[in-house]
């Protein structure tokens, strides 16, 4: 999930999220791409991040979705740190 957030008095920063599903998930284990996630569930996730950030005096801005290849690159990049 591509996103940015802004804290009052500070500049906008990119803060993407990786959405994953447990292999053992009964409801979602067949999902292979974020675009397969039910639209209502995706809207709930976006709303969660908006509200979570609002409670911390930050503004969350959903920018779009990328696929599993991008998520894997992000995970590998941060795993090396």
PDB file of N, CA and C in Angstrom:
ATOM      1  N   UNK A   1       0.856  -1.160   0.000  1.00  0.00           N
ATOM      2  CA  UNK A   1       0.000   0.000   0.000  1.00  0.00           C
ATOM      3  C   UNK A   1       0.906   1.228   0.000  1.00  0.00           C
ATOM      4  N   UNK A   2       0.819   2.014  -1.055  1.00  0.00           N
ATOM      5  CA  UNK A   2       1.606   3.232  -1.132  1.00  0.00           C
ATOM      6  C   UNK A   2       0.876   4.311  -0.323  1.00  0.00           C
ATOM      7  N   UNK A   3       1.621   5.007   0.513  1.00  0.00           N
ATOM      8  CA  UNK A   3       0.996   6.011   1.370  1.00  0.00           C
ATOM      9  C   UNK A   3       2.000   7.072   1.770  1.00  0.00           C
ATOM     10  N   UNK A   4       1.448   8.210   2.149  1.00  0.00           N
ATOM     11  CA  UNK A   4       2.270   9.263   2.748  1.00  0.00           C
ATOM     12  C   UNK A   4       1.572   9.692   4.023  1.00  0.00           C
ATOM     13  N   UNK A   5       2.323  10.334   4.881  1.00  0.00           N
ATOM     14  CA  UNK A   5       1.723  10.870   6.082  1.00  0.00           C
ATOM     15  C   UNK A   5       2.419  12.177   6.428  1.00  0.00           C
ATOM     16  N   UNK A   6       1.678  13.007   7.144  1.00  0.00           N
ATOM     17  CA  UNK A   6       2.213  14.319   7.503  1.00  0.00           C
ATOM     18  C   UNK A   6       1.842  14.611   8.943  1.00  0.00           C
ATOM     19  N   UNK A   7       2.860  14.981   9.691  1.00  0.00           N
ATOM     20  CA  UNK A   7       2.658  15.435  11.056  1.00  0.00           C
ATOM     21  C   UNK A   7       2.653  16.954  11.035  1.00  0.00           C
ATOM     22  N   UNK A   8       1.782  17.556  11.839  1.00  0.00           N
ATOM     23  CA  UNK A   8       1.651  19.010  11.852  1.00  0.00           C
ATOM     24  C   UNK A   8       3.014  19.665  12.083  1.00  0.00           C
ATOM     25  N   UNK A   9       3.326  20.625  11.229  1.00  0.00           N
ATOM     26  CA  UNK A   9       4.590  21.343  11.341  1.00  0.00           C
ATOM     27  C   UNK A   9       5.771  20.649  10.686  1.00  0.00           C
ATOM     28  N   UNK A  10       5.552  19.487  10.132  1.00  0.00           N
ATOM     29  CA  UNK A  10       6.637  18.752   9.480  1.00  0.00           C
ATOM     30  C   UNK A  10       6.272  18.503   8.030  1.00  0.00           C
ATOM     31  N   UNK A  11       7.259  18.093   7.239  1.00  0.00           N
ATOM     32  CA  UNK A  11       6.979  17.846   5.827  1.00  0.00           C
ATOM     33  C   UNK A  11       6.386  16.448   5.627  1.00  0.00           C
ATOM     34  N   UNK A  12       5.767  16.271   4.483  1.00  0.00           N
ATOM     35  CA  UNK A  12       5.157  14.992   4.128  1.00  0.00           C
ATOM     36  C   UNK A  12       6.258  13.951   3.968  1.00  0.00           C
ATOM     37  N   UNK A  13       6.018  12.761   4.518  1.00  0.00           N
ATOM     38  CA  UNK A  13       6.979  11.678   4.331  1.00  0.00           C
ATOM     39  C   UNK A  13       6.260  10.445   3.788  1.00  0.00           C
ATOM     40  N   UNK A  14       6.960   9.701   2.981  1.00  0.00           N
ATOM     41  CA  UNK A  14       6.417   8.475   2.413  1.00  0.00           C
ATOM     42  C   UNK A  14       6.438   7.409   3.503  1.00  0.00           C
ATOM     43  N   UNK A  15       5.360   6.656   3.633  1.00  0.00           N
ATOM     44  CA  UNK A  15       5.285   5.613   4.647  1.00  0.00           C
ATOM     45  C   UNK A  15       4.409   4.472   4.130  1.00  0.00           C
ATOM     46  N   UNK A  16       4.958   3.707   3.193  1.00  0.00           N
ATOM     47  CA  UNK A  16       4.230   2.610   2.581  1.00  0.00           C
ATOM     48  C   UNK A  16       4.020   1.473   3.581  1.00  0.00           C
ATOM     49  N   UNK A  17       2.998   0.650   3.322  1.00  0.00           N
ATOM     50  CA  UNK A  17       2.699  -0.509   4.154  1.00  0.00           C
ATOM     51  C   UNK A  17       2.764  -1.768   3.300  1.00  0.00           C
ATOM     52  N   UNK A  18       3.244  -2.836   3.891  1.00  0.00           N
ATOM     53  CA  UNK A  18       3.222  -4.139   3.241  1.00  0.00           C
ATOM     54  C   UNK A  18       2.059  -4.907   3.856  1.00  0.00           C
ATOM     55  N   UNK A  19       1.161  -5.383   3.012  1.00  0.00           N
ATOM     56  CA  UNK A  19       0.013  -6.156   3.465  1.00  0.00           C
ATOM     57  C   UNK A  19       0.303  -7.621   3.162  1.00  0.00           C
ATOM     58  N   UNK A  20       0.237  -8.443   4.198  1.00  0.00           N
ATOM     59  CA  UNK A  20       0.562  -9.862   4.041  1.00  0.00           C
ATOM     60  C   UNK A  20      -0.554 -10.722   4.629  1.00  0.00           C
ATOM     61  N   UNK A  21      -0.580 -11.964   4.204  1.00  0.00           N
ATOM     62  CA  UNK A  21      -1.562 -12.928   4.686  1.00  0.00           C
ATOM     63  C   UNK A  21      -0.817 -14.155   5.191  1.00  0.00           C
ATOM     64  N   UNK A  22      -1.196 -14.624   6.346  1.00  0.00           N
ATOM     65  CA  UNK A  22      -0.601 -15.856   6.881  1.00  0.00           C
ATOM     66  C   UNK A  22      -0.968 -17.042   5.991  1.00  0.00           C
ATOM     67  N   UNK A  23      -0.022 -17.902   5.754  1.00  0.00           N
ATOM     68  CA  UNK A  23      -0.254 -19.082   4.917  1.00  0.00           C
ATOM     69  C   UNK A  23      -1.407 -19.912   5.484  1.00  0.00           C
ATOM     70  N   UNK A  24      -1.532 -19.941   6.809  1.00  0.00           N
ATOM     71  CA  UNK A  24      -2.564 -20.741   7.472  1.00  0.00           C
ATOM     72  C   UNK A  24      -3.921 -20.049   7.521  1.00  0.00           C
ATOM     73  N   UNK A  25      -4.053 -18.845   6.991  1.00  0.00           N
ATOM     74  CA  UNK A  25      -5.312 -18.110   7.041  1.00  0.00           C
ATOM     75  C   UNK A  25      -6.432 -18.902   6.374  1.00  0.00           C
ATOM     76  N   UNK A  26      -7.502 -19.089   7.096  1.00  0.00           N
ATOM     77  CA  UNK A  26      -8.641 -19.829   6.556  1.00  0.00           C
ATOM     78  C   UNK A  26      -9.350 -19.001   5.482  1.00  0.00           C
ATOM     79  N   UNK A  27      -9.493 -17.710   5.732  1.00  0.00           N
ATOM     80  CA  UNK A  27     -10.261 -16.849   4.831  1.00  0.00           C
ATOM     81  C   UNK A  27      -9.473 -16.291   3.654  1.00  0.00           C
ATOM     82  N   UNK A  28      -8.154 -16.105   3.811  1.00  0.00           N
ATOM     83  CA  UNK A  28      -7.418 -15.350   2.804  1.00  0.00           C
ATOM     84  C   UNK A  28      -6.193 -16.053   2.223  1.00  0.00           C
ATOM     85  N   UNK A  29      -5.978 -17.314   2.544  1.00  0.00           N
ATOM     86  CA  UNK A  29      -4.749 -17.992   2.115  1.00  0.00           C
ATOM     87  C   UNK A  29      -4.622 -18.146   0.599  1.00  0.00           C
ATOM     88  N   UNK A  30      -5.714 -18.014  -0.144  1.00  0.00           N
ATOM     89  CA  UNK A  30      -5.636 -18.166  -1.605  1.00  0.00           C
ATOM     90  C   UNK A  30      -5.257 -16.866  -2.315  1.00  0.00           C
ATOM     91  N   UNK A  31      -5.210 -15.756  -1.581  1.00  0.00           N
ATOM     92  CA  UNK A  31      -4.879 -14.473  -2.199  1.00  0.00           C
ATOM     93  C   UNK A  31      -3.426 -14.462  -2.661  1.00  0.00           C
ATOM     94  N   UNK A  32      -3.208 -13.995  -3.871  1.00  0.00           N
ATOM     95  CA  UNK A  32      -1.858 -13.905  -4.425  1.00  0.00           C
ATOM     96  C   UNK A  32      -1.473 -12.472  -4.759  1.00  0.00           C
ATOM     97  N   UNK A  33      -2.443 -11.569  -4.799  1.00  0.00           N
ATOM     98  CA  UNK A  33      -2.196 -10.169  -5.166  1.00  0.00           C
ATOM     99  C   UNK A  33      -3.137  -9.279  -4.367  1.00  0.00           C
ATOM    100  N   UNK A  34      -2.651  -8.128  -3.965  1.00  0.00           N
ATOM    101  CA  UNK A  34      -3.454  -7.209  -3.155  1.00  0.00           C
ATOM    102  C   UNK A  34      -4.734  -6.781  -3.874  1.00  0.00           C
ATOM    103  N   UNK A  35      -4.726  -6.799  -5.181  1.00  0.00           N
ATOM    104  CA  UNK A  35      -5.926  -6.421  -5.929  1.00  0.00           C
ATOM    105  C   UNK A  35      -7.039  -7.461  -5.815  1.00  0.00           C
ATOM    106  N   UNK A  36      -6.718  -8.628  -5.277  1.00  0.00           N
ATOM    107  CA  UNK A  36      -7.721  -9.660  -5.042  1.00  0.00           C
ATOM    108  C   UNK A  36      -8.455  -9.459  -3.711  1.00  0.00           C
ATOM    109  N   UNK A  37      -7.947  -8.563  -2.873  1.00  0.00           N
ATOM    110  CA  UNK A  37      -8.575  -8.304  -1.572  1.00  0.00           C
ATOM    111  C   UNK A  37      -9.929  -7.641  -1.801  1.00  0.00           C
ATOM    112  N   UNK A  38     -10.924  -8.113  -1.087  1.00  0.00           N
ATOM    113  CA  UNK A  38     -12.269  -7.552  -1.158  1.00  0.00           C
ATOM    114  C   UNK A  38     -12.212  -6.036  -0.969  1.00  0.00           C
ATOM    115  N   UNK A  39     -12.926  -5.295  -1.813  1.00  0.00           N
ATOM    116  CA  UNK A  39     -12.876  -3.828  -1.767  1.00  0.00           C
ATOM    117  C   UNK A  39     -13.298  -3.279  -0.410  1.00  0.00           C
ATOM    118  N   UNK A  40     -14.282  -3.917   0.233  1.00  0.00           N
ATOM    119  CA  UNK A  40     -14.711  -3.458   1.557  1.00  0.00           C
ATOM    120  C   UNK A  40     -13.604  -3.630   2.585  1.00  0.00           C
ATOM    121  N   UNK A  41     -12.900  -4.763   2.526  1.00  0.00           N
ATOM    122  CA  UNK A  41     -11.793  -4.991   3.446  1.00  0.00           C
ATOM    123  C   UNK A  41     -10.671  -3.983   3.191  1.00  0.00           C
ATOM    124  N   UNK A  42     -10.373  -3.714   1.917  1.00  0.00           N
ATOM    125  CA  UNK A  42      -9.329  -2.742   1.600  1.00  0.00           C
ATOM    126  C   UNK A  42      -9.716  -1.359   2.118  1.00  0.00           C
ATOM    127  N   UNK A  43     -10.982  -0.978   1.954  1.00  0.00           N
ATOM    128  CA  UNK A  43     -11.441   0.313   2.478  1.00  0.00           C
ATOM    129  C   UNK A  43     -11.324   0.362   3.998  1.00  0.00           C
ATOM    130  N   UNK A  44     -11.582  -0.762   4.668  1.00  0.00           N
ATOM    131  CA  UNK A  44     -11.425  -0.820   6.125  1.00  0.00           C
ATOM    132  C   UNK A  44      -9.964  -0.634   6.515  1.00  0.00           C
ATOM    133  N   UNK A  45      -9.052  -1.251   5.766  1.00  0.00           N
ATOM    134  CA  UNK A  45      -7.623  -1.079   6.047  1.00  0.00           C
ATOM    135  C   UNK A  45      -7.196   0.375   5.870  1.00  0.00           C
ATOM    136  N   UNK A  46      -7.642   0.983   4.792  1.00  0.00           N
ATOM    137  CA  UNK A  46      -7.307   2.390   4.549  1.00  0.00           C
ATOM    138  C   UNK A  46      -7.864   3.255   5.673  1.00  0.00           C
ATOM    139  N   UNK A  47      -9.115   3.015   6.040  1.00  0.00           N
ATOM    140  CA  UNK A  47      -9.742   3.783   7.121  1.00  0.00           C
ATOM    141  C   UNK A  47      -8.989   3.583   8.441  1.00  0.00           C
ATOM    142  N   UNK A  48      -8.558   2.337   8.705  1.00  0.00           N
ATOM    143  CA  UNK A  48      -7.787   2.071   9.914  1.00  0.00           C
ATOM    144  C   UNK A  48      -6.538   2.942   9.960  1.00  0.00           C
ATOM    145  N   UNK A  49      -5.773   2.978   8.867  1.00  0.00           N
ATOM    146  CA  UNK A  49      -4.546   3.766   8.853  1.00  0.00           C
ATOM    147  C   UNK A  49      -4.845   5.264   8.948  1.00  0.00           C
ATOM    148  N   UNK A  50      -5.927   5.720   8.331  1.00  0.00           N
ATOM    149  CA  UNK A  50      -6.313   7.126   8.452  1.00  0.00           C
ATOM    150  C   UNK A  50      -6.615   7.469   9.911  1.00  0.00           C
ATOM    151  N   UNK A  51      -7.437   6.643  10.539  1.00  0.00           N
ATOM    152  CA  UNK A  51      -7.836   6.893  11.928  1.00  0.00           C
ATOM    153  C   UNK A  51      -6.647   6.757  12.879  1.00  0.00           C
ATOM    154  N   UNK A  52      -5.842   5.713  12.700  1.00  0.00           N
ATOM    155  CA  UNK A  52      -4.657   5.482  13.528  1.00  0.00           C
ATOM    156  C   UNK A  52      -3.739   6.703  13.509  1.00  0.00           C
ATOM    157  N   UNK A  53      -3.510   7.236  12.323  1.00  0.00           N
ATOM    158  CA  UNK A  53      -2.652   8.414  12.205  1.00  0.00           C
ATOM    159  C   UNK A  53      -3.323   9.658  12.763  1.00  0.00           C
ATOM    160  N   UNK A  54      -4.605   9.800  12.546  1.00  0.00           N
ATOM    161  CA  UNK A  54      -5.342  10.953  13.076  1.00  0.00           C
ATOM    162  C   UNK A  54      -5.223  11.004  14.602  1.00  0.00           C
ATOM    163  N   UNK A  55      -5.291   9.853  15.258  1.00  0.00           N
ATOM    164  CA  UNK A  55      -5.171   9.792  16.720  1.00  0.00           C
ATOM    165  C   UNK A  55      -3.782  10.216  17.175  1.00  0.00           C
ATOM    166  N   UNK A  56      -2.821  10.221  16.278  1.00  0.00           N
ATOM    167  CA  UNK A  56      -1.446  10.641  16.586  1.00  0.00           C
ATOM    168  C   UNK A  56      -1.117  11.992  15.952  1.00  0.00           C
ATOM    169  N   UNK A  57      -2.194  12.728  15.622  1.00  0.00           N
ATOM    170  CA  UNK A  57      -2.065  14.064  15.023  1.00  0.00           C
ATOM    171  C   UNK A  57      -1.282  14.055  13.719  1.00  0.00           C
ATOM    172  N   UNK A  58      -1.507  13.018  12.923  1.00  0.00           N
ATOM    173  CA  UNK A  58      -0.886  12.913  11.610  1.00  0.00           C
ATOM    174  C   UNK A  58      -1.981  12.716  10.573  1.00  0.00           C
ATOM    175  N   UNK A  59      -1.682  13.089   9.337  1.00  0.00           N
ATOM    176  CA  UNK A  59      -2.622  12.877   8.241  1.00  0.00           C
ATOM    177  C   UNK A  59      -2.079  11.774   7.359  1.00  0.00           C
ATOM    178  N   UNK A  60      -2.883  10.731   7.145  1.00  0.00           N
ATOM    179  CA  UNK A  60      -2.516   9.602   6.298  1.00  0.00           C
ATOM    180  C   UNK A  60      -3.148   9.808   4.934  1.00  0.00           C
ATOM    181  N   UNK A  61      -2.372   9.608   3.875  1.00  0.00           N
ATOM    182  CA  UNK A  61      -2.880   9.772   2.523  1.00  0.00           C
ATOM    183  C   UNK A  61      -2.579   8.502   1.722  1.00  0.00           C
ATOM    184  N   UNK A  62      -3.639   7.752   1.375  1.00  0.00           N
ATOM    185  CA  UNK A  62      -3.511   6.550   0.554  1.00  0.00           C
ATOM    186  C   UNK A  62      -3.175   6.971  -0.875  1.00  0.00           C
ATOM    187  N   UNK A  63      -2.114   6.376  -1.437  1.00  0.00           N
ATOM    188  CA  UNK A  63      -1.650   6.760  -2.775  1.00  0.00           C
ATOM    189  C   UNK A  63      -1.896   5.690  -3.833  1.00  0.00           C
ATOM    190  N   UNK A  64      -2.169   4.460  -3.421  1.00  0.00           N
ATOM    191  CA  UNK A  64      -2.404   3.401  -4.394  1.00  0.00           C
ATOM    192  C   UNK A  64      -1.838   2.079  -3.934  1.00  0.00           C
ATOM    193  N   UNK A  65      -1.901   1.101  -4.826  1.00  0.00           N
ATOM    194  CA  UNK A  65      -1.449  -0.247  -4.508  1.00  0.00           C
ATOM    195  C   UNK A  65      -0.374  -0.704  -5.478  1.00  0.00           C
ATOM    196  N   UNK A  66       0.561  -1.472  -4.971  1.00  0.00           N
ATOM    197  CA  UNK A  66       1.546  -2.165  -5.794  1.00  0.00           C
ATOM    198  C   UNK A  66       1.366  -3.651  -5.556  1.00  0.00           C
ATOM    199  N   UNK A  67       2.019  -4.459  -6.331  1.00  0.00           N
ATOM    200  CA  UNK A  67       1.849  -5.898  -6.237  1.00  0.00           C
ATOM    201  C   UNK A  67       2.873  -6.594  -5.364  1.00  0.00           C
ATOM    202  N   UNK A  68       2.839  -7.913  -5.367  1.00  0.00           N
ATOM    203  CA  UNK A  68       3.714  -8.706  -4.504  1.00  0.00           C
ATOM    204  C   UNK A  68       5.202  -8.565  -4.831  1.00  0.00           C
ATOM    205  N   UNK A  69       5.547  -8.328  -6.087  1.00  0.00           N
ATOM    206  CA  UNK A  69       6.970  -8.155  -6.437  1.00  0.00           C
ATOM    207  C   UNK A  69       7.568  -6.959  -5.706  1.00  0.00           C
ATOM    208  N   UNK A  70       6.828  -5.856  -5.670  1.00  0.00           N
ATOM    209  CA  UNK A  70       7.295  -4.657  -4.974  1.00  0.00           C
ATOM    210  C   UNK A  70       7.405  -4.933  -3.473  1.00  0.00           C
ATOM    211  N   UNK A  71       6.429  -5.626  -2.900  1.00  0.00           N
ATOM    212  CA  UNK A  71       6.453  -5.945  -1.472  1.00  0.00           C
ATOM    213  C   UNK A  71       7.682  -6.785  -1.124  1.00  0.00           C
ATOM    214  N   UNK A  72       7.977  -7.766  -1.952  1.00  0.00           N
ATOM    215  CA  UNK A  72       9.139  -8.626  -1.704  1.00  0.00           C
ATOM    216  C   UNK A  72      10.428  -7.808  -1.755  1.00  0.00           C
ATOM    217  N   UNK A  73      10.542  -6.885  -2.716  1.00  0.00           N
ATOM    218  CA  UNK A  73      11.738  -6.027  -2.802  1.00  0.00           C
ATOM    219  C   UNK A  73      11.878  -5.167  -1.537  1.00  0.00           C
ATOM    220  N   UNK A  74      10.763  -4.622  -1.055  1.00  0.00           N
ATOM    221  CA  UNK A  74      10.801  -3.789   0.156  1.00  0.00           C
ATOM    222  C   UNK A  74      11.255  -4.617   1.358  1.00  0.00           C
ATOM    223  N   UNK A  75      10.696  -5.806   1.495  1.00  0.00           N
ATOM    224  CA  UNK A  75      11.053  -6.670   2.624  1.00  0.00           C
ATOM    225  C   UNK A  75      12.526  -7.037   2.573  1.00  0.00           C
ATOM    226  N   UNK A  76      13.013  -7.438   1.403  1.00  0.00           N
ATOM    227  CA  UNK A  76      14.427  -7.805   1.263  1.00  0.00           C
ATOM    228  C   UNK A  76      15.328  -6.616   1.546  1.00  0.00           C
ATOM    229  N   UNK A  77      14.950  -5.441   1.086  1.00  0.00           N
ATOM    230  CA  UNK A  77      15.765  -4.241   1.304  1.00  0.00           C
ATOM    231  C   UNK A  77      15.887  -3.940   2.790  1.00  0.00           C
ATOM    232  N   UNK A  78      14.801  -4.038   3.521  1.00  0.00           N
ATOM    233  CA  UNK A  78      14.824  -3.690   4.945  1.00  0.00           C
ATOM    234  C   UNK A  78      15.346  -4.827   5.807  1.00  0.00           C
ATOM    235  N   UNK A  79      15.316  -6.032   5.304  1.00  0.00           N
ATOM    236  CA  UNK A  79      15.860  -7.166   6.026  1.00  0.00           C
ATOM    237  C   UNK A  79      17.377  -7.067   6.105  1.00  0.00           C
ATOM    238  N   UNK A  80      17.986  -6.466   5.085  1.00  0.00           N
ATOM    239  CA  UNK A  80      19.442  -6.346   5.028  1.00  0.00           C
ATOM    240  C   UNK A  80      19.970  -5.295   5.985  1.00  0.00           C
ATOM    241  N   UNK A  81      19.136  -4.399   6.461  1.00  0.00           N
ATOM    242  CA  UNK A  81      19.596  -3.314   7.347  1.00  0.00           C
ATOM    243  C   UNK A  81      19.900  -3.792   8.736  1.00  0.00           C
TER     244      UNK A  81
END
